[in-house]
Amino acid sequence: MKIFFKILFICLNILASAAFLLSLLATNISPEDSWMIAACGLLFPILVVLNFIFVIGWLIAKSYWVLPSASLMIMAIPTLIHAVQFDFSDAENEKGVKIMSFNSRLLDYYEAIAKQGVVRDSIFQMLDREQPDIVCFQEFYSRESKKWDIITPLISRKTKYHYLNEMGDFYNDTRWGLFTISAYPIVNKKSFYFDPAYPFATYCDIKINKDTVRVFNVHLRSFRFSNKDREVLGEMLENNEIPSSEDSKGILKRMEIAYESKAKEIDTISKVIKSSPHRVIVCGDLNDPPSSYAYHEFTEKLDDAFVESGEGYGKTYAGKLPLLRIDYILPDERIRTFNYKTLDHNLSDHYPVSCEMELGN
């Protein structure tokens, strides 16, 4: 019986190690080349914990089988550095230009959290407390009707300059998508699309005193799971139920389509970032963790505000998948950021993130 459990533990260790290795490869392999490896990147937080358990188990057993998992944990250190932070700086009393990024999930229009209007008003209250100078909303929603006219109360605050992606009207009086508001003048702007109904990025050139900064508002392609897909995934996560082959095929197909589209979006934005005449700061929902190709591509030329001054694990996704940081503020290397915060408010399936920045010379 003891031999049986040892063999079982070895087999599980091999499977976990193989999956962990694929999640590490996800940072360097484009989703266009292998969407399945890209998907393994999503599992990185879970696989870290799982492989750490194997390391501890083999150490207790004083077995050489500790080497595969321990070696992978060492290989994962560069990615872990971008996932977990300890902030020893003393910048709380410093003040700079405050920027925030928030996937607002249509300001809870479909009442996923509370009755209509409750979350919207709570978002207004949060903005009044935090006083950001620039806010990048993803999944923004506004209507011309007084009850759901979100744009007017937002720009009536000090953030009077604004840009909503150039999609125009949608369902007559409804506007939605990527919305950037700023206390500083917006002197140039542009939207990017692959699917005409879904903008995946905008940028605003914002004049801050004597400097101009190009602020990208990005929402990379999500999986767009159907309600049925979400139910199947929920049952799998909560009850460890294995989905049927038909359900699995549907979910995997959506993931394949999403990653193929995302690869093109990443390539487009990366080129625009590199050719920018101004310093850049990227805000948004990448729908991918630090163990991803998207993060790796963007941080080739940009820093990560969380790494600069964040603390803890910094997860930003409030949905059922645990430990995911998929929302970012990525500043130009020539921009100093500090006082990074993840705002733990139940306003969406994402948490808002913010930091302050100093442009310098």
Protein backbone atom coordinates (compact mmCIF):
# COMPACT_ATOMS: atom_id res chain seq x y z
CA MET A 1 0.00 0.00 0.00
CA LYS A 2 2.88 2.37 0.84
CA ILE A 3 4.46 1.72 -2.58
CA PHE A 4 1.09 2.38 -4.27
CA PHE A 5 0.77 5.82 -2.65
CA LYS A 6 4.38 6.64 -3.50
CA ILE A 7 3.82 5.76 -7.17
CA LEU A 8 0.59 7.79 -7.17
CA PHE A 9 2.40 10.76 -5.60
CA ILE A 10 5.16 10.50 -8.24
CA CYS A 11 2.63 10.39 -11.10
CA LEU A 12 0.76 13.42 -9.74
CA ASN A 13 4.08 15.22 -9.27
CA ILE A 14 5.05 14.55 -12.90
CA LEU A 15 1.70 15.89 -14.13
CA ALA A 16 1.95 18.98 -11.92
CA SER A 17 5.55 19.60 -12.99
CA ALA A 18 4.67 19.28 -16.68
CA ALA A 19 1.79 21.74 -16.32
CA PHE A 20 4.03 24.10 -14.32
CA LEU A 21 6.69 24.00 -17.03
CA LEU A 22 4.09 24.88 -19.67
CA SER A 23 2.87 27.80 -17.54
CA LEU A 24 6.47 29.10 -17.41
CA LEU A 25 6.81 28.78 -21.19
CA ALA A 26 3.64 30.88 -21.64
CA THR A 27 5.60 34.10 -21.09
CA ASN A 28 7.72 33.56 -24.21
CA ILE A 29 5.40 31.76 -26.61
CA SER A 30 2.81 33.78 -28.53
CA PRO A 31 -0.80 32.57 -28.19
CA GLU A 32 -0.82 32.53 -31.98
CA ASP A 33 1.75 29.72 -31.89
CA SER A 34 0.12 27.76 -29.07
CA TRP A 35 -3.05 28.92 -27.36
CA MET A 36 -2.96 25.88 -25.05
CA ILE A 37 0.41 26.92 -23.59
CA ALA A 38 -0.98 30.45 -23.21
CA ALA A 39 -3.94 29.03 -21.27
CA CYS A 40 -1.52 27.22 -18.93
CA GLY A 41 -0.24 30.65 -17.88
CA LEU A 42 -3.60 31.27 -16.21
CA LEU A 43 -2.92 28.33 -13.89
CA PHE A 44 0.47 29.64 -12.73
CA PRO A 45 -0.67 30.72 -9.20
CA ILE A 46 -2.32 27.37 -8.53
CA LEU A 47 0.61 25.42 -9.95
CA VAL A 48 3.09 27.35 -7.79
CA VAL A 49 1.19 26.31 -4.67
CA LEU A 50 0.81 22.73 -5.89
CA ASN A 51 4.50 22.32 -6.73
CA PHE A 52 5.51 23.89 -3.43
CA ILE A 53 3.43 21.21 -1.67
CA PHE A 54 5.33 18.53 -3.61
CA VAL A 55 8.66 20.12 -2.62
CA ILE A 56 7.67 20.05 1.06
CA GLY A 57 6.37 16.48 0.75
CA TRP A 58 9.58 15.16 -0.83
CA LEU A 59 11.75 17.06 1.64
CA ILE A 60 9.89 15.41 4.51
CA ALA A 61 10.34 12.04 2.77
CA LYS A 62 14.05 12.88 2.16
CA SER A 63 13.68 11.80 -1.47
CA TYR A 64 15.58 12.86 -4.59
CA TRP A 65 12.17 13.35 -6.22
CA VAL A 66 12.29 16.80 -4.68
CA LEU A 67 14.62 17.93 -7.49
CA PRO A 68 12.11 18.34 -10.39
CA SER A 69 9.67 20.52 -8.45
CA ALA A 70 12.44 22.41 -6.64
CA SER A 71 14.18 23.14 -9.96
CA LEU A 72 10.93 24.45 -11.43
CA MET A 73 10.34 26.65 -8.38
CA ILE A 74 13.79 28.18 -8.90
CA MET A 75 13.01 28.72 -12.60
CA ALA A 76 9.77 30.44 -11.56
CA ILE A 77 11.48 33.06 -9.39
CA PRO A 78 11.57 35.77 -12.15
CA THR A 79 7.82 35.36 -12.64
CA LEU A 80 7.15 35.19 -8.91
CA ILE A 81 8.97 38.50 -8.45
CA HIS A 82 6.27 40.08 -10.62
CA ALA A 83 3.50 38.31 -8.73
CA VAL A 84 4.34 38.91 -5.06
CA GLN A 85 5.73 42.14 -3.60
CA PHE A 86 6.95 43.50 -0.29
CA ASP A 87 6.89 47.29 -0.13
CA PHE A 88 9.55 48.82 2.11
CA SER A 89 9.35 52.32 0.62
CA ASP A 90 8.18 55.34 2.54
CA ALA A 91 6.30 57.29 -0.12
CA GLU A 92 2.86 57.60 1.51
CA ASN A 93 3.33 61.32 2.12
CA GLU A 94 4.45 61.98 -1.45
CA LYS A 95 1.95 63.33 -3.94
CA GLY A 96 1.95 62.96 -7.69
CA VAL A 97 -0.44 62.63 -10.61
CA LYS A 98 -2.87 59.90 -9.57
CA ILE A 99 -4.00 57.41 -12.18
CA MET A 100 -6.57 54.63 -11.83
CA SER A 101 -7.62 51.67 -13.98
CA PHE A 102 -10.92 49.86 -13.47
CA ASN A 103 -12.92 47.23 -15.36
CA SER A 104 -16.33 48.36 -14.15
CA ARG A 105 -18.39 45.53 -15.74
CA LEU A 106 -20.94 48.00 -17.20
CA LEU A 107 -21.27 49.64 -13.77
CA ASP A 108 -23.36 46.62 -12.71
CA TYR A 109 -26.13 47.44 -15.18
CA TYR A 110 -27.30 43.81 -15.10
CA GLU A 111 -27.49 43.76 -11.26
CA ALA A 112 -24.83 41.11 -10.66
CA ILE A 113 -24.07 42.74 -7.29
CA ALA A 114 -26.99 44.96 -6.24
CA LYS A 115 -30.08 46.76 -7.48
CA GLN A 116 -29.60 49.12 -10.39
CA GLY A 117 -27.81 52.31 -9.43
CA VAL A 118 -26.29 51.09 -6.15
CA VAL A 119 -22.90 50.15 -7.62
CA ARG A 120 -22.92 53.16 -9.93
CA ASP A 121 -23.34 55.51 -6.95
CA SER A 122 -20.69 53.58 -4.98
CA ILE A 123 -18.25 54.08 -7.86
CA PHE A 124 -18.93 57.83 -7.75
CA GLN A 125 -18.26 57.80 -3.99
CA MET A 126 -15.01 55.86 -4.49
CA LEU A 127 -13.80 58.38 -7.06
CA ASP A 128 -14.69 61.26 -4.72
CA ARG A 129 -12.62 59.61 -1.96
CA GLU A 130 -9.64 58.62 -4.10
CA GLN A 131 -9.53 61.80 -6.22
CA PRO A 132 -7.70 60.33 -9.24
CA ASP A 133 -6.50 62.75 -11.91
CA ILE A 134 -6.82 60.19 -14.71
CA VAL A 135 -9.18 57.20 -14.81
CA CYS A 136 -9.23 54.46 -17.45
CA PHE A 137 -12.50 52.50 -17.43
CA GLN A 138 -12.94 49.22 -19.27
CA GLU A 139 -16.44 47.88 -19.89
CA PHE A 140 -17.83 51.35 -19.31
CA TYR A 141 -21.56 51.91 -19.84
CA SER A 142 -23.71 55.02 -20.18
CA ARG A 143 -27.12 55.94 -21.60
CA GLU A 144 -28.73 59.24 -22.45
CA SER A 145 -31.51 58.64 -19.94
CA LYS A 146 -31.06 60.62 -16.72
CA LYS A 147 -30.83 57.52 -14.53
CA TRP A 148 -27.99 55.98 -16.53
CA ASP A 149 -26.21 59.05 -17.86
CA ILE A 150 -22.83 58.25 -16.28
CA ILE A 151 -20.74 60.56 -18.44
CA THR A 152 -22.27 63.85 -17.21
CA PRO A 153 -21.72 63.26 -13.45
CA LEU A 154 -18.19 61.99 -14.12
CA ILE A 155 -17.06 64.97 -16.16
CA SER A 156 -18.82 67.40 -13.80
CA ARG A 157 -16.04 66.55 -11.36
CA LYS A 158 -12.54 67.89 -11.93
CA THR A 159 -11.93 65.22 -14.60
CA LYS A 160 -13.61 67.28 -17.32
CA TYR A 161 -11.61 66.00 -20.31
CA HIS A 162 -12.77 62.64 -21.63
CA TYR A 163 -12.63 60.18 -24.51
CA LEU A 164 -14.99 57.29 -25.20
CA ASN A 165 -13.88 54.96 -27.97
CA GLU A 166 -15.08 55.98 -31.42
CA MET A 167 -17.70 53.27 -31.79
CA GLY A 168 -20.53 55.78 -31.78
CA ASP A 169 -24.05 55.00 -30.67
CA PHE A 170 -24.98 51.44 -29.83
CA TYR A 171 -28.60 50.43 -29.40
CA ASN A 172 -29.64 54.03 -30.13
CA ASP A 173 -28.92 55.96 -26.91
CA THR A 174 -26.32 53.66 -25.36
CA ARG A 175 -22.56 54.25 -25.23
CA TRP A 176 -20.09 51.69 -23.93
CA GLY A 177 -16.54 50.45 -24.15
CA LEU A 178 -13.26 52.12 -23.14
CA PHE A 179 -13.62 55.45 -21.39
CA THR A 180 -10.76 57.70 -20.28
CA ILE A 181 -11.34 60.81 -18.14
CA SER A 182 -8.67 63.30 -17.21
CA ALA A 183 -8.14 66.44 -15.16
CA TYR A 184 -5.55 67.41 -17.77
CA PRO A 185 -6.20 68.31 -21.43
CA ILE A 186 -6.46 65.47 -23.96
CA VAL A 187 -4.71 66.77 -27.08
CA ASN A 188 -4.86 63.66 -29.28
CA LYS A 189 -6.68 60.33 -29.23
CA LYS A 190 -7.20 57.10 -31.18
CA SER A 191 -9.12 53.80 -30.99
CA PHE A 192 -8.07 50.30 -32.10
CA TYR A 193 -10.35 47.47 -33.28
CA PHE A 194 -10.29 44.03 -34.81
CA ASP A 195 -13.94 43.22 -34.23
CA PRO A 196 -16.02 46.32 -35.20
CA ALA A 197 -18.23 45.83 -32.13
CA TYR A 198 -15.39 45.52 -29.63
CA PRO A 199 -12.61 48.11 -29.29
CA PHE A 200 -9.61 46.56 -27.54
CA ALA A 201 -7.56 49.72 -26.95
CA THR A 202 -7.50 53.50 -27.10
CA TYR A 203 -4.83 56.03 -26.37
CA CYS A 204 -5.05 59.63 -25.22
CA ASP A 205 -2.15 62.05 -25.43
CA ILE A 206 -2.56 63.98 -22.18
CA LYS A 207 -0.85 67.31 -21.57
CA ILE A 208 0.40 67.34 -17.97
CA ASN A 209 1.95 70.72 -17.29
CA LYS A 210 4.79 70.93 -19.85
CA ASP A 211 4.86 67.21 -20.62
CA THR A 212 2.69 65.03 -22.85
CA VAL A 213 2.05 61.42 -21.84
CA ARG A 214 0.37 58.81 -24.06
CA VAL A 215 -2.09 56.92 -21.83
CA PHE A 216 -3.30 53.62 -23.28
CA ASN A 217 -6.61 52.20 -22.10
CA VAL A 218 -6.53 48.50 -22.96
CA HIS A 219 -8.99 45.63 -22.69
CA LEU A 220 -7.55 42.57 -24.38
CA ARG A 221 -9.85 39.89 -25.71
CA SER A 222 -11.70 37.89 -23.07
CA PHE A 223 -13.03 34.37 -23.56
CA ARG A 224 -16.64 35.62 -23.91
CA PHE A 225 -18.02 32.53 -22.22
CA SER A 226 -21.76 31.97 -22.52
CA ASN A 227 -23.95 31.71 -19.42
CA LYS A 228 -23.92 27.94 -19.85
CA ASP A 229 -20.11 27.91 -20.06
CA ARG A 230 -19.94 29.93 -16.83
CA GLU A 231 -22.29 27.48 -15.10
CA VAL A 232 -20.15 24.52 -16.21
CA LEU A 233 -16.93 26.23 -15.07
CA GLY A 234 -18.55 27.19 -11.76
CA GLU A 235 -19.58 23.60 -11.08
CA MET A 236 -16.10 22.39 -12.01
CA LEU A 237 -14.41 24.84 -9.62
CA GLU A 238 -16.87 24.52 -6.74
CA ASN A 239 -17.78 20.83 -6.90
CA ASN A 240 -14.79 19.35 -8.78
CA GLU A 241 -17.20 18.10 -11.44
CA ILE A 242 -15.68 17.07 -14.77
CA PRO A 243 -17.61 18.69 -17.66
CA SER A 244 -19.01 16.58 -20.49
CA SER A 245 -16.98 16.28 -23.68
CA GLU A 246 -19.46 18.53 -25.50
CA ASP A 247 -19.23 21.26 -22.84
CA SER A 248 -15.44 20.94 -22.78
CA LYS A 249 -15.19 21.34 -26.56
CA GLY A 250 -17.30 24.51 -26.44
CA ILE A 251 -15.19 26.07 -23.68
CA LEU A 252 -11.88 25.12 -25.31
CA LYS A 253 -13.03 26.49 -28.69
CA ARG A 254 -13.85 29.87 -27.13
CA MET A 255 -10.43 29.91 -25.49
CA GLU A 256 -8.71 29.09 -28.78
CA ILE A 257 -10.54 31.90 -30.63
CA ALA A 258 -9.82 34.37 -27.81
CA TYR A 259 -6.09 33.66 -27.69
CA GLU A 260 -5.71 33.84 -31.48
CA SER A 261 -7.38 37.28 -31.46
CA LYS A 262 -5.41 38.39 -28.41
CA ALA A 263 -2.10 37.60 -30.13
CA LYS A 264 -2.97 40.10 -32.88
CA GLU A 265 -4.08 42.70 -30.34
CA ILE A 266 -0.82 42.35 -28.38
CA ASP A 267 1.23 42.69 -31.56
CA THR A 268 -0.64 45.83 -32.62
CA ILE A 269 -0.38 47.61 -29.27
CA SER A 270 3.28 46.63 -28.79
CA LYS A 271 4.18 48.27 -32.10
CA VAL A 272 2.24 51.45 -31.25
CA ILE A 273 3.93 51.62 -27.83
CA LYS A 274 7.39 51.29 -29.38
CA SER A 275 6.70 54.00 -31.98
CA SER A 276 5.16 56.49 -29.53
CA PRO A 277 6.69 60.01 -29.66
CA HIS A 278 5.74 60.44 -25.99
CA ARG A 279 6.34 58.58 -22.79
CA VAL A 280 3.74 55.84 -22.35
CA ILE A 281 1.62 54.45 -19.56
CA VAL A 282 -0.59 51.41 -20.22
CA CYS A 283 -3.67 50.89 -18.07
CA GLY A 284 -6.17 48.13 -18.37
CA ASP A 285 -7.42 44.60 -18.21
CA LEU A 286 -5.05 42.27 -20.07
CA ASN A 287 -7.14 39.21 -19.17
CA ASP A 288 -3.83 37.49 -18.41
CA PRO A 289 -1.54 37.17 -15.35
CA PRO A 290 2.16 38.14 -15.11
CA SER A 291 2.97 34.63 -16.34
CA SER A 292 1.69 35.53 -19.81
CA TYR A 293 2.97 36.54 -23.21
CA ALA A 294 0.97 39.81 -23.07
CA TYR A 295 2.62 40.89 -19.82
CA HIS A 296 6.06 39.84 -21.06
CA GLU A 297 5.66 41.80 -24.32
CA PHE A 298 4.44 44.99 -22.68
CA THR A 299 6.99 44.99 -19.86
CA GLU A 300 9.88 44.68 -22.31
CA LYS A 301 9.68 48.47 -22.61
CA LEU A 302 7.51 49.31 -19.59
CA ASP A 303 7.68 48.91 -15.82
CA ASP A 304 4.93 47.53 -13.60
CA ALA A 305 3.55 49.93 -10.97
CA PHE A 306 2.69 46.98 -8.72
CA VAL A 307 6.29 45.77 -8.82
CA GLU A 308 7.53 49.31 -8.17
CA SER A 309 5.43 49.99 -5.05
CA GLY A 310 2.75 47.33 -4.57
CA GLU A 311 2.45 44.95 -1.67
CA GLY A 312 1.29 41.37 -1.21
CA TYR A 313 -0.10 39.25 -4.03
CA GLY A 314 -2.15 42.05 -5.57
CA LYS A 315 -4.92 39.98 -7.13
CA THR A 316 -7.33 42.10 -9.15
CA TYR A 317 -9.89 39.56 -10.33
CA ALA A 318 -12.81 39.04 -7.98
CA GLY A 319 -14.35 36.13 -9.88
CA LYS A 320 -14.20 32.42 -9.15
CA LEU A 321 -10.72 31.81 -10.55
CA PRO A 322 -8.43 32.47 -7.55
CA LEU A 323 -5.31 34.60 -7.20
CA LEU A 324 -5.41 36.29 -10.60
CA ARG A 325 -3.77 39.67 -11.20
CA ILE A 326 -4.97 40.65 -14.67
CA ASP A 327 -5.42 44.44 -14.31
CA TYR A 328 -2.33 46.62 -14.62
CA ILE A 329 -0.75 50.03 -14.66
CA LEU A 330 2.43 49.77 -16.73
CA PRO A 331 4.45 53.00 -16.85
CA ASP A 332 7.29 54.00 -19.13
CA GLU A 333 10.69 53.31 -17.58
CA ARG A 334 11.20 57.10 -17.51
CA ILE A 335 8.11 57.61 -15.29
CA ARG A 336 8.44 57.04 -11.55
CA THR A 337 5.36 55.50 -9.90
CA PHE A 338 4.60 55.09 -6.20
CA ASN A 339 1.74 54.48 -3.73
CA TYR A 340 0.29 51.61 -5.78
CA LYS A 341 -3.03 50.32 -4.39
CA THR A 342 -5.51 47.58 -5.17
CA LEU A 343 -8.86 48.88 -3.93
CA ASP A 344 -10.73 46.00 -2.33
CA HIS A 345 -14.25 47.19 -3.18
CA ASN A 346 -17.12 44.96 -4.26
CA LEU A 347 -18.02 47.04 -7.33
CA SER A 348 -17.32 44.61 -10.18
CA ASP A 349 -15.69 41.26 -10.88
CA HIS A 350 -12.45 43.29 -10.95
CA TYR A 351 -10.85 45.51 -8.33
CA PRO A 352 -9.77 49.05 -9.24
CA VAL A 353 -6.00 49.68 -9.16
CA SER A 354 -4.28 53.04 -8.76
CA CYS A 355 -0.88 54.64 -8.27
CA GLU A 356 0.72 58.05 -8.34
CA MET A 357 3.33 59.08 -10.85
CA GLU A 358 6.07 61.65 -11.19
CA LEU A 359 7.13 62.50 -14.71
CA GLY A 360 10.48 64.10 -13.91
CA ASN A 361 12.61 65.07 -16.91
